[in-house]
Amino acid sequence: MCGSIAPIEKICDLADKYGAITFLDEVHAVGMYGPHGAGVAEHLNYDIYASQDTPNPASIKGTVMDRVDIITGTLGKAYGCVGGYIAGSAAMVDTVAA
């Protein structure tokens, strides 16, 4: 809660090296970080995502957001609603939801 950002890219490197999956909790970052409010994963590649015109940018190959397997967020903080979400590949989301 102090505003520190983990070395997400280095964590992804370790996950790649050891065949692990990555999980990023963006609950306190969604709506606040990144040019479209997608969170810290988007913010770490700010220039790349800021160049996209759409408010719902697609994950771009090789970016931090693309490398994380599961991203979770809430709709109850910056967006002022209720609920939350998980984002990832269709197979990963289906596995978690099952």
Protein backbone atom coordinates (compact mmCIF):
# COMPACT_ATOMS: atom_id res chain seq x y z
CA MET A 1 0.00 0.00 0.00
CA CYS A 2 3.05 2.28 -0.07
CA GLY A 3 3.02 2.65 -3.85
CA SER A 4 5.91 0.31 -4.53
CA ILE A 5 5.77 -1.65 -7.78
CA ALA A 6 7.15 -5.18 -7.87
CA PRO A 7 9.70 -6.09 -10.55
CA ILE A 8 6.97 -7.73 -12.63
CA GLU A 9 9.10 -8.17 -15.74
CA LYS A 10 11.81 -9.99 -13.74
CA ILE A 11 9.15 -12.17 -12.11
CA CYS A 12 7.87 -13.06 -15.59
CA ASP A 13 11.45 -13.95 -16.59
CA LEU A 14 11.66 -16.35 -13.62
CA ALA A 15 8.29 -17.86 -14.46
CA ASP A 16 9.44 -18.45 -18.04
CA LYS A 17 12.66 -20.03 -16.83
CA TYR A 18 10.93 -22.46 -14.44
CA GLY A 19 7.67 -23.06 -16.31
CA ALA A 20 5.51 -21.29 -13.72
CA ILE A 21 2.37 -19.27 -14.30
CA THR A 22 2.08 -15.66 -13.24
CA PHE A 23 -0.78 -14.02 -11.36
CA LEU A 24 -0.99 -10.24 -10.97
CA ASP A 25 -3.45 -8.67 -8.56
CA GLU A 26 -4.31 -5.25 -10.00
CA VAL A 27 -7.04 -4.47 -7.44
CA HIS A 28 -5.38 -1.27 -6.24
CA ALA A 29 -4.08 -0.24 -9.67
CA VAL A 30 -6.93 -0.65 -12.14
CA GLY A 31 -8.43 2.66 -13.13
CA MET A 32 -5.42 4.50 -11.75
CA TYR A 33 -2.33 3.35 -13.68
CA GLY A 34 -1.66 3.06 -17.38
CA PRO A 35 -2.84 5.31 -20.20
CA HIS A 36 -6.19 3.47 -20.36
CA GLY A 37 -6.45 2.59 -16.65
CA ALA A 38 -5.65 -1.09 -17.15
CA GLY A 39 -3.23 -1.12 -14.21
CA VAL A 40 0.47 -1.42 -13.51
CA ALA A 41 1.05 -4.02 -16.24
CA GLU A 42 -0.15 -1.50 -18.82
CA HIS A 43 1.68 1.38 -17.09
CA LEU A 44 5.05 -0.39 -17.35
CA ASN A 45 4.78 -0.15 -21.16
CA TYR A 46 3.10 3.27 -21.07
CA ASP A 47 4.37 4.59 -24.42
CA ILE A 48 3.32 1.48 -26.32
CA TYR A 49 -0.23 1.48 -24.94
CA ALA A 50 -0.62 5.27 -25.07
CA SER A 51 -0.12 5.08 -28.83
CA GLN A 52 -3.27 2.93 -29.17
CA ASP A 53 -6.40 4.92 -29.94
CA THR A 54 -8.88 2.52 -28.37
CA PRO A 55 -9.89 2.84 -24.70
CA ASN A 56 -9.77 -0.98 -24.50
CA PRO A 57 -6.30 -1.81 -25.76
CA ALA A 58 -5.43 -5.33 -26.78
CA SER A 59 -2.45 -6.98 -25.17
CA ILE A 60 0.59 -6.41 -27.34
CA LYS A 61 3.01 -9.30 -27.82
CA GLY A 62 6.04 -9.04 -25.54
CA THR A 63 4.68 -6.37 -23.20
CA VAL A 64 4.41 -6.99 -19.46
CA MET A 65 0.61 -7.25 -19.75
CA ASP A 66 1.00 -9.91 -22.44
CA ARG A 67 3.43 -11.93 -20.33
CA VAL A 68 1.23 -12.20 -17.21
CA ASP A 69 -1.00 -15.30 -17.29
CA ILE A 70 -3.79 -14.10 -14.98
CA ILE A 71 -4.67 -10.53 -14.00
CA THR A 72 -7.35 -9.81 -11.41
CA GLY A 73 -9.02 -6.54 -10.65
CA THR A 74 -11.93 -5.01 -8.86
CA LEU A 75 -14.77 -2.89 -10.09
CA GLY A 76 -15.43 -1.51 -6.60
CA LYS A 77 -12.61 0.99 -6.19
CA ALA A 78 -11.72 3.35 -9.06
CA TYR A 79 -14.79 2.34 -11.07
CA GLY A 80 -17.25 2.72 -8.17
CA CYS A 81 -19.23 -0.46 -8.89
CA VAL A 82 -19.44 -3.89 -7.30
CA GLY A 83 -17.61 -7.04 -8.35
CA GLY A 84 -14.34 -8.02 -9.90
CA TYR A 85 -12.81 -9.86 -12.81
CA ILE A 86 -10.03 -12.11 -13.99
CA ALA A 87 -8.32 -11.71 -17.34
CA GLY A 88 -6.15 -14.19 -19.19
CA SER A 89 -6.31 -16.68 -21.99
CA ALA A 90 -9.70 -18.30 -22.61
CA ALA A 91 -8.34 -21.66 -21.43
CA MET A 92 -6.98 -20.13 -18.19
CA VAL A 93 -10.20 -18.25 -17.41
CA ASP A 94 -12.29 -21.39 -18.14
CA THR A 95 -10.08 -23.39 -15.79
CA VAL A 96 -10.44 -20.89 -12.96
CA ALA A 97 -14.18 -20.48 -13.51
CA ALA A 98 -14.82 -24.26 -13.55
